[in-house]
C-alpha atoms as a PDB file:
ATOM      1  CA  MET A   1      76.997  12.031  52.150  1.00  0.00           C
ATOM      2  CA  LYS A   2      73.897  12.562  54.266  1.00  0.00           C
ATOM      3  CA  LYS A   3      72.286  14.606  51.469  1.00  0.00           C
ATOM      4  CA  THR A   4      72.849  11.824  48.947  1.00  0.00           C
ATOM      5  CA  LEU A   5      71.380   9.245  51.301  1.00  0.00           C
ATOM      6  CA  PHE A   6      68.342  11.457  51.781  1.00  0.00           C
ATOM      7  CA  TRP A   7      67.606  11.574  48.045  1.00  0.00           C
ATOM      8  CA  ILE A   8      68.086   7.828  47.685  1.00  0.00           C
ATOM      9  CA  VAL A   9      65.604   7.142  50.486  1.00  0.00           C
ATOM     10  CA  LEU A  10      63.156   9.666  48.999  1.00  0.00           C
ATOM     11  CA  LEU A  11      63.339   8.019  45.582  1.00  0.00           C
ATOM     12  CA  ILE A  12      62.746   4.596  47.119  1.00  0.00           C
ATOM     13  CA  ILE A  13      59.685   5.911  48.980  1.00  0.00           C
ATOM     14  CA  LEU A  14      58.293   7.587  45.823  1.00  0.00           C
ATOM     15  CA  ALA A  15      58.899   4.436  43.799  1.00  0.00           C
ATOM     16  CA  PHE A  16      57.071   2.368  46.415  1.00  0.00           C
ATOM     17  CA  ILE A  17      54.143   4.786  46.451  1.00  0.00           C
ATOM     18  CA  GLY A  18      54.008   4.771  42.635  1.00  0.00           C
ATOM     19  CA  TYR A  19      54.062   0.997  42.522  1.00  0.00           C
ATOM     20  CA  ARG A  20      51.257   0.716  45.065  1.00  0.00           C
ATOM     21  CA  GLY A  21      49.233   3.268  43.114  1.00  0.00           C
ATOM     22  CA  TYR A  22      49.780   1.356  39.900  1.00  0.00           C
ATOM     23  CA  LYS A  23      48.593  -1.886  41.564  1.00  0.00           C
ATOM     24  CA  VAL A  24      45.464  -0.178  42.844  1.00  0.00           C
ATOM     25  CA  TYR A  25      44.793   1.286  39.372  1.00  0.00           C
ATOM     26  CA  LYS A  26      45.190  -2.117  37.710  1.00  0.00           C
ATOM     27  CA  LYS A  27      42.796  -3.719  40.191  1.00  0.00           C
ATOM     28  CA  SER A  28      40.209  -1.009  39.500  1.00  0.00           C
ATOM     29  CA  GLN A  29      40.593  -1.553  35.768  1.00  0.00           C
ATOM     30  CA  ILE A  30      40.110  -5.297  36.178  1.00  0.00           C
ATOM     31  CA  LYS A  31      36.979  -4.689  38.255  1.00  0.00           C
ATOM     32  CA  GLU A  32      35.618  -2.347  35.584  1.00  0.00           C
ATOM     33  CA  VAL A  33      36.270  -4.936  32.845  1.00  0.00           C
ATOM     34  CA  ILE A  34      34.599  -7.662  34.907  1.00  0.00           C
ATOM     35  CA  ALA A  35      31.633  -5.361  35.594  1.00  0.00           C
ATOM     36  CA  GLU A  36      31.418  -4.471  31.909  1.00  0.00           C
ATOM     37  CA  GLU A  37      31.474  -8.110  30.923  1.00  0.00           C
ATOM     38  CA  LYS A  38      28.513  -8.746  33.208  1.00  0.00           C
ATOM     39  CA  THR A  39      26.453  -6.037  31.462  1.00  0.00           C
ATOM     40  CA  LYS A  40      25.169  -6.600  27.946  1.00  0.00           C
ATOM     41  CA  PRO A  41      25.346  -3.976  25.179  1.00  0.00           C
ATOM     42  CA  VAL A  42      22.074  -2.789  23.659  1.00  0.00           C
ATOM     43  CA  GLU A  43      20.800  -0.096  21.356  1.00  0.00           C
ATOM     44  CA  ILE A  44      17.628   1.742  22.279  1.00  0.00           C
ATOM     45  CA  GLU A  45      15.003   3.925  20.667  1.00  0.00           C
ATOM     46  CA  VAL A  46      12.526   6.158  22.480  1.00  0.00           C
ATOM     47  CA  VAL A  47       8.898   5.117  21.918  1.00  0.00           C
ATOM     48  CA  LYS A  48       6.922   7.881  20.170  1.00  0.00           C
ATOM     49  CA  THR A  49       3.461   8.396  18.674  1.00  0.00           C
ATOM     50  CA  THR A  50       3.012   9.256  15.014  1.00  0.00           C
ATOM     51  CA  PRO A  51       0.143   9.661  12.512  1.00  0.00           C
ATOM     52  CA  PHE A  52      -0.643   6.362  10.787  1.00  0.00           C
ATOM     53  CA  THR A  53      -2.921   5.380   7.912  1.00  0.00           C
ATOM     54  CA  LYS A  54      -3.915   1.750   7.476  1.00  0.00           C
ATOM     55  CA  PHE A  55      -4.654   0.612   3.911  1.00  0.00           C
ATOM     56  CA  LEU A  56      -6.236  -2.399   2.252  1.00  0.00           C
ATOM     57  CA  SER A  57      -4.391  -3.147  -1.013  1.00  0.00           C
ATOM     58  CA  PHE A  58      -5.864  -4.581  -4.224  1.00  0.00           C
ATOM     59  CA  THR A  59      -5.414  -4.625  -7.987  1.00  0.00           C
ATOM     60  CA  GLY A  60      -8.159  -3.692 -10.418  1.00  0.00           C
ATOM     61  CA  ASP A  61      -9.244  -2.857 -13.960  1.00  0.00           C
ATOM     62  CA  ILE A  62     -10.352   0.574 -15.135  1.00  0.00           C
ATOM     63  CA  LYS A  63     -13.566   0.977 -17.119  1.00  0.00           C
ATOM     64  CA  GLY A  64     -15.533   3.956 -18.373  1.00  0.00           C
ATOM     65  CA  ILE A  65     -18.387   4.970 -16.123  1.00  0.00           C
ATOM     66  CA  GLU A  66     -20.581   3.985 -19.078  1.00  0.00           C
ATOM     67  CA  GLU A  67     -19.558   1.574 -21.841  1.00  0.00           C
ATOM     68  CA  ILE A  68     -22.153   0.887 -24.513  1.00  0.00           C
ATOM     69  CA  ASP A  69     -21.810  -1.330 -27.567  1.00  0.00           C
ATOM     70  CA  VAL A  70     -23.670   0.044 -30.586  1.00  0.00           C
ATOM     71  CA  PHE A  71     -25.429  -2.453 -32.891  1.00  0.00           C
ATOM     72  CA  PRO A  72     -27.070  -1.826 -36.271  1.00  0.00           C
ATOM     73  CA  LYS A  73     -30.852  -1.953 -36.509  1.00  0.00           C
ATOM     74  CA  VAL A  74     -30.762  -3.722 -39.878  1.00  0.00           C
ATOM     75  CA  SER A  75     -28.657  -6.318 -41.655  1.00  0.00           C
ATOM     76  CA  GLY A  76     -26.430  -5.337 -44.529  1.00  0.00           C
ATOM     77  CA  LYS A  77     -22.969  -4.170 -45.520  1.00  0.00           C
ATOM     78  CA  LEU A  78     -21.043  -1.435 -43.672  1.00  0.00           C
ATOM     79  CA  VAL A  79     -20.364   1.069 -46.456  1.00  0.00           C
ATOM     80  CA  GLN A  80     -19.255   4.168 -44.516  1.00  0.00           C
ATOM     81  CA  ILE A  81     -17.777   4.892 -41.059  1.00  0.00           C
ATOM     82  CA  LYS A  82     -18.102   8.564 -40.136  1.00  0.00           C
ATOM     83  CA  VAL A  83     -16.019   8.584 -36.932  1.00  0.00           C
ATOM     84  CA  LYS A  84     -12.682   7.301 -35.663  1.00  0.00           C
ATOM     85  CA  GLU A  85     -11.532   5.969 -32.315  1.00  0.00           C
ATOM     86  CA  GLY A  86     -11.093   8.768 -29.781  1.00  0.00           C
ATOM     87  CA  ASP A  87     -13.737  11.049 -31.342  1.00  0.00           C
ATOM     88  CA  ARG A  88     -16.242  12.620 -28.960  1.00  0.00           C
ATOM     89  CA  VAL A  89     -19.799  12.097 -30.219  1.00  0.00           C
ATOM     90  CA  LYS A  90     -23.190  13.452 -29.232  1.00  0.00           C
ATOM     91  CA  LYS A  91     -26.393  11.577 -28.648  1.00  0.00           C
ATOM     92  CA  ASP A  92     -28.229  10.836 -31.944  1.00  0.00           C
ATOM     93  CA  GLN A  93     -25.091  11.597 -33.999  1.00  0.00           C
ATOM     94  CA  ILE A  94     -24.735   9.482 -37.162  1.00  0.00           C
ATOM     95  CA  LEU A  95     -21.812   7.073 -36.775  1.00  0.00           C
ATOM     96  CA  ALA A  96     -22.035   4.887 -39.887  1.00  0.00           C
ATOM     97  CA  LEU A  97     -24.120   3.950 -42.943  1.00  0.00           C
ATOM     98  CA  ILE A  98     -25.307   0.478 -43.941  1.00  0.00           C
ATOM     99  CA  ASP A  99     -26.309  -0.722 -47.395  1.00  0.00           C
ATOM    100  CA  ARG A 100     -29.208  -3.153 -46.897  1.00  0.00           C
ATOM    101  CA  ASP A 101     -29.904  -3.786 -50.593  1.00  0.00           C
ATOM    102  CA  ILE A 102     -31.843  -6.941 -51.348  1.00  0.00           C
ATOM    103  CA  THR A 103     -32.062  -8.312 -54.888  1.00  0.00           C
ATOM    104  CA  GLY A 104     -34.924  -6.582 -56.651  1.00  0.00           C
ATOM    105  CA  VAL A 105     -35.432  -4.004 -53.856  1.00  0.00           C
ATOM    106  CA  LYS A 106     -33.695  -0.650 -53.436  1.00  0.00           C
ATOM    107  CA  PHE A 107     -33.349   0.861 -49.921  1.00  0.00           C
ATOM    108  CA  GLU A 108     -31.887   4.097 -48.722  1.00  0.00           C
ATOM    109  CA  LEU A 109     -28.683   3.724 -46.699  1.00  0.00           C
ATOM    110  CA  ALA A 110     -29.510   2.914 -43.066  1.00  0.00           C
ATOM    111  CA  GLU A 111     -27.984   5.061 -40.361  1.00  0.00           C
ATOM    112  CA  VAL A 112     -26.229   3.825 -37.243  1.00  0.00           C
ATOM    113  CA  ILE A 113     -27.006   6.349 -34.485  1.00  0.00           C
ATOM    114  CA  SER A 114     -25.176   7.015 -31.218  1.00  0.00           C
ATOM    115  CA  PRO A 115     -27.539   6.302 -28.307  1.00  0.00           C
ATOM    116  CA  VAL A 116     -25.498   8.401 -25.848  1.00  0.00           C
ATOM    117  CA  GLU A 117     -22.895  11.142 -25.610  1.00  0.00           C
ATOM    118  CA  GLY A 118     -19.338   9.921 -25.128  1.00  0.00           C
ATOM    119  CA  ILE A 119     -16.106   8.917 -26.836  1.00  0.00           C
ATOM    120  CA  ILE A 120     -15.598   6.255 -29.471  1.00  0.00           C
ATOM    121  CA  GLY A 121     -13.540   3.751 -27.556  1.00  0.00           C
ATOM    122  CA  ARG A 122     -13.515   0.920 -30.095  1.00  0.00           C
ATOM    123  CA  ILE A 123     -14.496   0.365 -33.714  1.00  0.00           C
ATOM    124  CA  PHE A 124     -14.921  -3.377 -34.112  1.00  0.00           C
ATOM    125  CA  LEU A 125     -15.364  -3.627 -37.887  1.00  0.00           C
ATOM    126  CA  ASP A 126     -13.923  -2.248 -41.119  1.00  0.00           C
ATOM    127  CA  LYS A 127     -15.745  -0.774 -44.053  1.00  0.00           C
ATOM    128  CA  GLY A 128     -17.300  -3.510 -46.163  1.00  0.00           C
ATOM    129  CA  ALA A 129     -18.037  -5.896 -43.276  1.00  0.00           C
ATOM    130  CA  GLY A 130     -21.423  -7.588 -43.021  1.00  0.00           C
ATOM    131  CA  VAL A 131     -23.498  -6.620 -39.997  1.00  0.00           C
ATOM    132  CA  SER A 132     -26.722  -7.742 -38.342  1.00  0.00           C
ATOM    133  CA  PRO A 133     -28.939  -6.499 -35.494  1.00  0.00           C
ATOM    134  CA  PRO A 134     -28.954  -8.102 -32.025  1.00  0.00           C
ATOM    135  CA  SER A 135     -32.010 -10.263 -32.575  1.00  0.00           C
ATOM    136  CA  PRO A 136     -33.144 -12.417 -30.885  1.00  0.00           C
ATOM    137  CA  GLY A 137     -30.292 -11.551 -28.486  1.00  0.00           C
ATOM    138  CA  PRO A 138     -27.045  -9.480 -28.366  1.00  0.00           C
ATOM    139  CA  GLN A 139     -24.965 -12.614 -28.882  1.00  0.00           C
ATOM    140  CA  MET A 140     -26.547 -12.923 -32.314  1.00  0.00           C
ATOM    141  CA  GLY A 141     -25.841  -9.357 -33.431  1.00  0.00           C
ATOM    142  CA  THR A 142     -22.742  -7.549 -34.690  1.00  0.00           C
ATOM    143  CA  PRO A 143     -21.469  -4.678 -32.516  1.00  0.00           C
ATOM    144  CA  ILE A 144     -19.863  -1.933 -34.592  1.00  0.00           C
ATOM    145  CA  PHE A 145     -18.791   0.636 -31.990  1.00  0.00           C
ATOM    146  CA  ARG A 146     -18.134   0.897 -28.261  1.00  0.00           C
ATOM    147  CA  ILE A 147     -18.925   4.300 -26.790  1.00  0.00           C
ATOM    148  CA  VAL A 148     -17.484   5.166 -23.403  1.00  0.00           C
ATOM    149  CA  ASN A 149     -18.011   8.014 -20.984  1.00  0.00           C
ATOM    150  CA  MET A 150     -14.495   8.842 -19.719  1.00  0.00           C
ATOM    151  CA  ASP A 151     -15.290  12.016 -17.777  1.00  0.00           C
ATOM    152  CA  LYS A 152     -15.614   9.601 -14.895  1.00  0.00           C
ATOM    153  CA  VAL A 153     -14.186   6.110 -14.652  1.00  0.00           C
ATOM    154  CA  LYS A 154     -14.729   3.181 -12.345  1.00  0.00           C
ATOM    155  CA  VAL A 155     -12.217   0.698 -11.019  1.00  0.00           C
ATOM    156  CA  LEU A 156     -13.419  -2.851 -10.408  1.00  0.00           C
ATOM    157  CA  ILE A 157     -11.679  -4.896  -7.715  1.00  0.00           C
ATOM    158  CA  ASN A 158     -12.396  -8.290  -6.193  1.00  0.00           C
ATOM    159  CA  VAL A 159     -12.348  -8.477  -2.399  1.00  0.00           C
ATOM    160  CA  ILE A 160     -12.056 -11.685  -0.383  1.00  0.00           C
ATOM    161  CA  GLU A 161     -14.907 -12.277   2.023  1.00  0.00           C
ATOM    162  CA  LYS A 162     -12.885 -11.714   5.226  1.00  0.00           C
ATOM    163  CA  ASP A 163     -12.090  -8.145   4.097  1.00  0.00           C
ATOM    164  CA  LEU A 164     -15.643  -7.239   3.103  1.00  0.00           C
ATOM    165  CA  PRO A 165     -16.666  -6.011   6.588  1.00  0.00           C
ATOM    166  CA  LYS A 166     -13.776  -3.518   6.437  1.00  0.00           C
ATOM    167  CA  ILE A 167     -15.155  -1.778   3.323  1.00  0.00           C
ATOM    168  CA  ARG A 168     -18.128   0.547   3.103  1.00  0.00           C
ATOM    169  CA  VAL A 169     -19.623   2.848   0.462  1.00  0.00           C
ATOM    170  CA  GLY A 170     -17.994   6.279   0.608  1.00  0.00           C
ATOM    171  CA  GLN A 171     -14.556   5.105   1.752  1.00  0.00           C
ATOM    172  CA  THR A 172     -11.636   6.947   0.153  1.00  0.00           C
ATOM    173  CA  ALA A 173      -9.460   5.011  -2.292  1.00  0.00           C
ATOM    174  CA  GLN A 174      -6.086   5.832  -3.843  1.00  0.00           C
ATOM    175  CA  ILE A 175      -5.438   4.687  -7.423  1.00  0.00           C
ATOM    176  CA  LYS A 176      -2.081   4.320  -9.189  1.00  0.00           C
ATOM    177  CA  VAL A 177      -1.360   3.243 -12.782  1.00  0.00           C
ATOM    178  CA  ASP A 178       1.897   2.414 -14.551  1.00  0.00           C
ATOM    179  CA  ALA A 179       1.407   5.247 -17.058  1.00  0.00           C
ATOM    180  CA  TYR A 180       1.758   7.860 -14.277  1.00  0.00           C
ATOM    181  CA  PRO A 181       3.860   6.181 -11.556  1.00  0.00           C
ATOM    182  CA  GLU A 182       4.305   9.368  -9.505  1.00  0.00           C
ATOM    183  CA  LYS A 183       0.636  10.385  -9.535  1.00  0.00           C
ATOM    184  CA  ILE A 184      -2.060   9.258  -7.092  1.00  0.00           C
ATOM    185  CA  PHE A 185      -5.689   9.521  -8.210  1.00  0.00           C
ATOM    186  CA  SER A 186      -8.392   9.806  -5.560  1.00  0.00           C
ATOM    187  CA  GLY A 187     -11.773   8.096  -5.700  1.00  0.00           C
ATOM    188  CA  GLU A 188     -14.337   6.530  -3.406  1.00  0.00           C
ATOM    189  CA  VAL A 189     -16.134   3.229  -3.038  1.00  0.00           C
ATOM    190  CA  SER A 190     -19.446   3.598  -4.888  1.00  0.00           C
ATOM    191  CA  LEU A 191     -20.831   0.047  -5.014  1.00  0.00           C
ATOM    192  CA  ILE A 192     -20.370  -3.200  -3.092  1.00  0.00           C
ATOM    193  CA  SER A 193     -21.748  -6.340  -4.676  1.00  0.00           C
ATOM    194  CA  PRO A 194     -24.382  -8.006  -2.464  1.00  0.00           C
ATOM    195  CA  ILE A 195     -23.193 -11.486  -3.480  1.00  0.00           C
ATOM    196  CA  VAL A 196     -19.954 -13.451  -3.141  1.00  0.00           C
ATOM    197  CA  ASP A 197     -18.713 -15.569  -6.032  1.00  0.00           C
ATOM    198  CA  PRO A 198     -18.841 -19.182  -4.760  1.00  0.00           C
ATOM    199  CA  TYR A 199     -15.786 -20.147  -6.831  1.00  0.00           C
ATOM    200  CA  THR A 200     -13.412 -17.317  -5.937  1.00  0.00           C
ATOM    201  CA  ARG A 201     -14.982 -16.375  -2.573  1.00  0.00           C
ATOM    202  CA  THR A 202     -14.736 -12.728  -3.597  1.00  0.00           C
ATOM    203  CA  ALA A 203     -17.204  -9.901  -4.106  1.00  0.00           C
ATOM    204  CA  GLN A 204     -16.807  -7.162  -6.683  1.00  0.00           C
ATOM    205  CA  ILE A 205     -16.310  -3.605  -5.454  1.00  0.00           C
ATOM    206  CA  GLU A 206     -16.695  -0.541  -7.660  1.00  0.00           C
ATOM    207  CA  ILE A 207     -14.665   2.625  -7.081  1.00  0.00           C
ATOM    208  CA  THR A 208     -15.635   5.802  -8.916  1.00  0.00           C
ATOM    209  CA  LEU A 209     -13.345   8.751  -9.653  1.00  0.00           C
ATOM    210  CA  SER A 210     -13.359  11.896 -11.769  1.00  0.00           C
ATOM    211  CA  ASN A 211     -11.273  11.812 -14.937  1.00  0.00           C
ATOM    212  CA  PRO A 212     -11.622  15.279 -16.518  1.00  0.00           C
ATOM    213  CA  LYS A 213      -8.359  15.082 -18.491  1.00  0.00           C
ATOM    214  CA  HIS A 214      -9.005  11.485 -19.570  1.00  0.00           C
ATOM    215  CA  LEU A 215      -5.637  10.371 -18.191  1.00  0.00           C
ATOM    216  CA  LEU A 216      -7.168   7.118 -17.025  1.00  0.00           C
ATOM    217  CA  LYS A 217      -8.115   4.867 -19.926  1.00  0.00           C
ATOM    218  CA  PRO A 218     -10.547   1.955 -19.911  1.00  0.00           C
ATOM    219  CA  GLY A 219      -8.564  -1.269 -19.866  1.00  0.00           C
ATOM    220  CA  MET A 220      -5.707   0.074 -17.725  1.00  0.00           C
ATOM    221  CA  PHE A 221      -4.420  -2.070 -14.861  1.00  0.00           C
ATOM    222  CA  SER A 222      -4.376  -0.267 -11.511  1.00  0.00           C
ATOM    223  CA  GLU A 223      -3.113  -0.588  -7.946  1.00  0.00           C
ATOM    224  CA  VAL A 224      -5.760   0.300  -5.397  1.00  0.00           C
ATOM    225  CA  LYS A 225      -5.426   1.254  -1.747  1.00  0.00           C
ATOM    226  CA  ILE A 226      -8.570   1.735   0.314  1.00  0.00           C
ATOM    227  CA  ILE A 227      -8.123   3.697   3.513  1.00  0.00           C
ATOM    228  CA  GLU A 228      -9.360   1.472   6.335  1.00  0.00           C
ATOM    229  CA  LYS A 229      -8.559   3.784   9.248  1.00  0.00           C
ATOM    230  CA  ILE A 230      -6.495   6.835  10.215  1.00  0.00           C
ATOM    231  CA  LYS A 231      -4.881   7.230  13.645  1.00  0.00           C
ATOM    232  CA  LYS A 232      -3.273  10.475  14.797  1.00  0.00           C
ATOM    233  CA  ASP A 233      -1.302   8.962  17.677  1.00  0.00           C
ATOM    234  CA  ALA A 234      -0.277   5.436  16.701  1.00  0.00           C
ATOM    235  CA  ILE A 235       2.767   3.761  18.236  1.00  0.00           C
ATOM    236  CA  LEU A 236       4.978   2.332  15.502  1.00  0.00           C
ATOM    237  CA  ILE A 237       8.183   0.425  16.195  1.00  0.00           C
ATOM    238  CA  PRO A 238      10.694  -1.411  13.973  1.00  0.00           C
ATOM    239  CA  SER A 239       9.428  -4.918  13.250  1.00  0.00           C
ATOM    240  CA  TYR A 240      12.854  -6.349  14.087  1.00  0.00           C
ATOM    241  CA  ALA A 241      12.457  -5.200  17.722  1.00  0.00           C
ATOM    242  CA  LEU A 242       9.782  -7.865  18.270  1.00  0.00           C
ATOM    243  CA  LEU A 243      10.415 -11.323  19.683  1.00  0.00           C
ATOM    244  CA  GLU A 244       7.976 -14.207  19.302  1.00  0.00           C
ATOM    245  CA  THR A 245       7.678 -16.681  22.155  1.00  0.00           C
ATOM    246  CA  SER A 246       4.988 -19.208  23.116  1.00  0.00           C
ATOM    247  CA  ASN A 247       2.391 -17.626  20.816  1.00  0.00           C
ATOM    248  CA  LYS A 248       3.082 -14.258  22.433  1.00  0.00           C
ATOM    249  CA  THR A 249       4.933 -11.214  21.190  1.00  0.00           C
ATOM    250  CA  LYS A 250       7.361  -9.429  23.472  1.00  0.00           C
ATOM    251  CA  VAL A 251       9.885  -6.591  23.471  1.00  0.00           C
ATOM    252  CA  PHE A 252      12.548  -5.427  25.927  1.00  0.00           C
ATOM    253  CA  LEU A 253      12.711  -2.031  27.580  1.00  0.00           C
ATOM    254  CA  VAL A 254      15.551  -0.469  29.579  1.00  0.00           C
ATOM    255  CA  LYS A 255      14.645   0.771  33.043  1.00  0.00           C
ATOM    256  CA  GLY A 256      17.335   1.729  35.561  1.00  0.00           C
ATOM    257  CA  LYS A 257      20.104  -0.036  33.578  1.00  0.00           C
ATOM    258  CA  LYS A 258      18.076  -3.255  33.629  1.00  0.00           C
ATOM    259  CA  ALA A 259      16.319  -5.121  30.813  1.00  0.00           C
ATOM    260  CA  VAL A 260      12.569  -5.376  31.362  1.00  0.00           C
ATOM    261  CA  LYS A 261      10.418  -7.801  29.374  1.00  0.00           C
ATOM    262  CA  ARG A 262       7.080  -6.506  28.083  1.00  0.00           C
ATOM    263  CA  PHE A 263       4.375  -8.406  26.180  1.00  0.00           C
ATOM    264  CA  VAL A 264       2.663  -6.385  23.452  1.00  0.00           C
ATOM    265  CA  GLU A 265      -0.330  -6.630  21.123  1.00  0.00           C
ATOM    266  CA  VAL A 266       0.432  -5.854  17.500  1.00  0.00           C
ATOM    267  CA  GLY A 267      -1.827  -4.249  14.904  1.00  0.00           C
ATOM    268  CA  ALA A 268      -1.195  -3.345  11.278  1.00  0.00           C
ATOM    269  CA  LYS A 269       2.043  -4.584   9.762  1.00  0.00           C
ATOM    270  CA  GLY A 270       4.070  -2.562   7.274  1.00  0.00           C
ATOM    271  CA  THR A 271       7.291  -3.345   5.449  1.00  0.00           C
ATOM    272  CA  GLU A 272       9.524  -1.856   8.179  1.00  0.00           C
ATOM    273  CA  LYS A 273       7.261  -0.662  10.984  1.00  0.00           C
ATOM    274  CA  ILE A 274       4.544  -2.380  12.952  1.00  0.00           C
ATOM    275  CA  GLU A 275       1.707  -0.877  14.981  1.00  0.00           C
ATOM    276  CA  ILE A 276       1.586  -1.622  18.703  1.00  0.00           C
ATOM    277  CA  LEU A 277      -1.936  -1.595  20.119  1.00  0.00           C
ATOM    278  CA  THR A 278      -1.137  -2.305  23.773  1.00  0.00           C
ATOM    279  CA  GLY A 279       1.955  -2.795  25.922  1.00  0.00           C
ATOM    280  CA  LEU A 280       4.031   0.313  25.174  1.00  0.00           C
ATOM    281  CA  SER A 281       3.783   3.964  26.201  1.00  0.00           C
ATOM    282  CA  PRO A 282       5.417   7.060  24.706  1.00  0.00           C
ATOM    283  CA  GLY A 283       8.756   7.954  26.277  1.00  0.00           C
ATOM    284  CA  GLU A 284       9.801   4.405  27.165  1.00  0.00           C
ATOM    285  CA  SER A 285      13.228   3.163  26.063  1.00  0.00           C
ATOM    286  CA  LEU A 286      12.782   0.276  23.624  1.00  0.00           C
ATOM    287  CA  VAL A 287      15.653  -2.106  22.897  1.00  0.00           C
ATOM    288  CA  VAL A 288      16.062  -2.345  19.113  1.00  0.00           C
ATOM    289  CA  ALA A 289      19.396  -4.194  18.959  1.00  0.00           C
ATOM    290  CA  GLY A 290      20.955  -6.698  21.341  1.00  0.00           C
ATOM    291  CA  HIS A 291      17.554  -7.933  22.528  1.00  0.00           C
ATOM    292  CA  HIS A 292      18.227 -11.474  21.276  1.00  0.00           C
ATOM    293  CA  ARG A 293      21.024 -11.859  23.870  1.00  0.00           C
ATOM    294  CA  ILE A 294      19.309 -10.561  26.988  1.00  0.00           C
ATOM    295  CA  GLU A 295      16.855 -11.870  29.539  1.00  0.00           C
ATOM    296  CA  ASP A 296      14.415 -10.132  31.841  1.00  0.00           C
ATOM    297  CA  GLY A 297      16.380  -8.436  34.652  1.00  0.00           C
ATOM    298  CA  ASP A 298      19.784  -8.496  32.926  1.00  0.00           C
ATOM    299  CA  SER A 299      22.114  -5.558  33.492  1.00  0.00           C
ATOM    300  CA  VAL A 300      22.610  -3.675  30.233  1.00  0.00           C
ATOM    301  CA  ARG A 301      24.675  -0.789  28.957  1.00  0.00           C
ATOM    302  CA  ILE A 302      23.450   1.491  26.196  1.00  0.00           C
ATOM    303  CA  VAL A 303      25.891   1.724  23.285  1.00  0.00           C
ATOM    304  CA  LYS A 304      23.570   3.672  20.997  1.00  0.00           C
ATOM    305  CA  GLY A 305      20.558   5.842  21.732  1.00  0.00           C
ATOM    306  CA  VAL A 306      19.697   8.127  24.636  1.00  0.00           C
ATOM    307  CA  MET A 307      17.150   7.476  27.371  1.00  0.00           C
ATOM    308  CA  ARG A 308      14.606  10.210  27.890  1.00  0.00           C
END
């Protein structure tokens, strides 16, 4: 009887201890939930430096480094064309013959001579067409051929006046064309017009590049990027990490489990990243998600990312 009573009392004591422990555990859980509710979840990214190239982007037209229209020296009928488009010709090569017969007078056929070495880019007329020399001016004459030098080509772009100070002769340019979408051609700025068109407020810039395989054809449309500057240690952050307020740009950092507001100065803007000129240092923990719901000094908990 005494032994049974002992076990009953022991069970009651153990049950009481278990109940008290459970109550303490529940209270601790409630405190943790309340504490968690007071902190705000954020995702972070460690600020790093990275090489960065800033470009100025334009569109342009490709032309041969030399493009010369060839006119006849006499009037008459085009009776023979000795070349075809795409032929390479030498200086003083005979390109065509003209019959300049006048009633009652017999002339030898007149020759049309190439003034330069190059490639026949265009033949404007067919055999049998009437032609005349450019006298008193070129607008009065009849061009027969266009000869182009394609060993080098030039790309002509128009630059708005605010960008002109950013461009100088010798700057590297990258050229892309639709015919070779995966290929980048390299050239350099060779000429900057000294005048600005008063109607378009642009100045023409000439970019020259080698074209030994003649892949680039006069008349092609091109995309042009001129390298403005190269930085080896730029700070780039996701553009969505920025917050605009009162004409200022700010971000949030995490320091000691607290949100810290920081105003920054931005530089070049890309499609996904943006350059930070001042306000951030490498190694800092930048809030990249959750920053719209926090204020300076808020307690935060990191749900993604690791602080350095």
